[in-house]
């Protein structure tokens, strides 16, 4: 009986540990690329970036133009989050919580373009996004070009 009690208490503690990042960040949806019920993608990395990276060099939306937001919505749904449902990059400027300290997996919005933050190095932001030279690709941009950083 003691073994069962100990296992029950351990499972409660594990459940609380897994819930902590989303609760601590007041996120409406799983944070930093975590999929629902998953412990992956915490502050040390990003499940969203990993998912997006699987499509490097392709166009999974099959659209011929203006598909960066479509790609982001597709990735957000794969992460268990609703996305914005819009084909406009600017729709992501009000998705989640606005932040000033972007980390991998956060959403970066520019005028007419949107993607996931891969890294921030000084004044440069490395982004993975759809419709980068007509495919999913990686680009580095000056931080000054971004209109919003959002934490889903």
Protein backbone atom coordinates (compact mmCIF):
# COMPACT_ATOMS: atom_id res chain seq x y z
CA UNK A 1 0.00 0.00 0.00
CA UNK A 2 2.86 2.38 0.77
CA UNK A 3 4.32 1.78 -2.69
CA UNK A 4 1.01 2.73 -4.31
CA UNK A 5 0.82 5.91 -2.20
CA UNK A 6 4.38 6.84 -3.08
CA UNK A 7 3.72 6.27 -6.79
CA UNK A 8 0.53 8.36 -6.60
CA UNK A 9 2.36 11.24 -4.90
CA UNK A 10 5.18 11.04 -7.46
CA UNK A 11 2.68 11.21 -10.34
CA UNK A 12 1.04 14.28 -8.79
CA UNK A 13 4.42 15.97 -8.43
CA UNK A 14 5.31 15.14 -12.04
CA UNK A 15 1.98 16.51 -13.26
CA UNK A 16 2.54 19.74 -11.38
CA UNK A 17 6.06 20.06 -12.80
CA UNK A 18 4.76 19.65 -16.35
CA UNK A 19 2.07 22.29 -15.87
CA UNK A 20 4.37 24.91 -14.37
CA UNK A 21 5.81 26.65 -17.50
CA UNK A 22 2.43 27.53 -19.01
CA UNK A 23 1.06 28.65 -15.66
CA UNK A 24 4.20 30.59 -14.74
CA UNK A 25 4.12 32.50 -18.05
CA UNK A 26 0.34 33.06 -17.94
CA UNK A 27 0.11 31.52 -21.38
CA UNK A 28 -3.31 30.85 -22.84
CA UNK A 29 -1.89 27.94 -24.83
CA UNK A 30 1.12 25.62 -24.27
CA UNK A 31 4.24 27.79 -24.17
CA UNK A 32 7.51 27.77 -26.09
CA UNK A 33 6.42 25.20 -28.61
CA UNK A 34 5.14 22.65 -26.09
CA UNK A 35 2.43 20.46 -27.46
CA UNK A 36 -0.51 19.76 -25.18
CA UNK A 37 0.49 17.45 -22.35
CA UNK A 38 4.14 17.43 -23.35
CA UNK A 39 7.18 18.39 -21.34
CA UNK A 40 9.21 19.09 -24.48
CA UNK A 41 10.02 22.55 -25.71
CA UNK A 42 10.62 24.34 -22.42
CA UNK A 43 13.00 27.28 -22.11
CA UNK A 44 15.93 25.23 -23.47
CA UNK A 45 14.48 24.87 -26.96
CA UNK A 46 11.42 25.08 -29.10
CA UNK A 47 9.08 22.43 -30.36
CA UNK A 48 7.57 24.99 -32.73
CA UNK A 49 10.95 25.64 -34.35
CA UNK A 50 11.59 21.88 -34.57
CA UNK A 51 8.21 21.33 -36.25
CA UNK A 52 8.79 24.19 -38.69
CA UNK A 53 12.30 22.90 -39.48
CA UNK A 54 10.82 19.68 -40.83
CA UNK A 55 9.47 21.69 -43.76
CA UNK A 56 12.69 23.54 -44.69
CA UNK A 57 13.00 23.94 -48.45
CA UNK A 58 9.33 23.09 -49.12
CA UNK A 59 5.97 24.81 -49.44
CA UNK A 60 3.58 22.66 -47.41
CA UNK A 61 0.69 25.10 -47.97
CA UNK A 62 0.77 24.70 -51.77
CA UNK A 63 -0.15 28.38 -52.08
CA UNK A 64 1.70 30.39 -54.71
CA UNK A 65 1.92 33.67 -52.81
CA UNK A 66 1.37 35.35 -49.43
CA UNK A 67 1.54 32.15 -47.40
CA UNK A 68 3.77 32.90 -44.39
CA UNK A 69 0.72 33.31 -42.09
CA UNK A 70 -0.87 30.16 -43.54
CA UNK A 71 2.30 28.26 -42.64
CA UNK A 72 2.28 29.71 -39.12
CA UNK A 73 -1.37 28.73 -38.64
CA UNK A 74 -0.55 25.23 -39.84
CA UNK A 75 2.33 24.98 -37.36
CA UNK A 76 0.27 26.40 -34.50
CA UNK A 77 -2.42 23.78 -35.11
CA UNK A 78 0.25 21.06 -35.10
CA UNK A 79 1.36 22.42 -31.72
CA UNK A 80 -2.16 22.11 -30.35
CA UNK A 81 -2.88 25.83 -30.48
CA UNK A 82 -5.61 27.48 -32.59
CA UNK A 83 -3.58 29.96 -34.67
CA UNK A 84 -5.24 33.13 -35.90
CA UNK A 85 -7.20 31.65 -38.80
CA UNK A 86 -6.09 34.58 -40.96
CA UNK A 87 -3.87 34.68 -44.04
CA UNK A 88 -2.44 38.04 -42.90
CA UNK A 89 0.92 38.17 -41.15
CA UNK A 90 -0.29 41.13 -39.08
CA UNK A 91 -2.94 38.92 -37.44
CA UNK A 92 -0.16 37.40 -35.33
CA UNK A 93 0.59 40.80 -33.75
CA UNK A 94 -2.35 40.18 -31.40
CA UNK A 95 -1.94 36.41 -30.96
CA UNK A 96 -0.76 35.48 -27.48
CA UNK A 97 1.08 37.88 -25.20
CA UNK A 98 3.27 40.73 -26.44
CA UNK A 99 6.84 40.44 -25.15
CA UNK A 100 10.07 42.41 -25.42
CA UNK A 101 12.52 39.56 -24.76
CA UNK A 102 11.96 37.08 -27.62
CA UNK A 103 13.21 33.52 -27.20
CA UNK A 104 13.19 30.49 -29.50
CA UNK A 105 9.64 29.53 -30.37
CA UNK A 106 8.21 33.01 -29.91
CA UNK A 107 6.43 34.56 -32.88
CA UNK A 108 8.06 37.50 -34.64
CA UNK A 109 5.93 39.83 -36.76
CA UNK A 110 7.22 42.22 -39.41
CA UNK A 111 5.20 44.31 -41.83
CA UNK A 112 3.94 41.68 -44.25
CA UNK A 113 5.82 38.70 -42.77
CA UNK A 114 5.73 36.40 -39.75
CA UNK A 115 7.78 33.49 -38.41
CA UNK A 116 9.24 31.77 -35.36
CA UNK A 117 12.26 33.16 -33.52
CA UNK A 118 15.19 30.75 -33.69
CA UNK A 119 17.68 32.98 -31.89
CA UNK A 120 18.45 36.56 -30.96
CA UNK A 121 22.01 37.82 -31.14
CA UNK A 122 22.34 41.48 -30.21
CA UNK A 123 20.37 43.44 -32.77
CA UNK A 124 19.76 40.47 -35.08
CA UNK A 125 16.87 38.01 -34.99
CA UNK A 126 17.11 34.65 -36.75
CA UNK A 127 13.72 33.53 -38.02
CA UNK A 128 12.27 30.40 -39.59
CA UNK A 129 9.25 31.20 -41.71
CA UNK A 130 7.13 30.23 -44.65
CA UNK A 131 7.37 32.01 -47.99
CA UNK A 132 11.03 32.87 -47.52
CA UNK A 133 12.14 32.83 -51.18
CA UNK A 134 8.98 30.79 -51.92
CA UNK A 135 9.77 28.04 -49.40
CA UNK A 136 10.17 27.49 -45.68
CA UNK A 137 13.52 29.03 -44.92
CA UNK A 138 15.73 30.77 -42.40
CA UNK A 139 16.64 34.45 -42.47
CA UNK A 140 18.34 36.94 -40.19
CA UNK A 141 16.85 40.39 -39.81
CA UNK A 142 17.65 43.56 -37.85
CA UNK A 143 15.54 43.70 -34.70
CA UNK A 144 14.32 47.14 -35.75
CA UNK A 145 12.28 45.58 -38.61
CA UNK A 146 9.91 43.78 -36.23
CA UNK A 147 6.62 45.32 -35.18
CA UNK A 148 5.81 42.72 -32.50
CA UNK A 149 7.17 39.70 -30.67
CA UNK A 150 4.46 37.45 -29.30
CA UNK A 151 4.49 34.52 -26.92
CA UNK A 152 1.69 32.11 -27.91
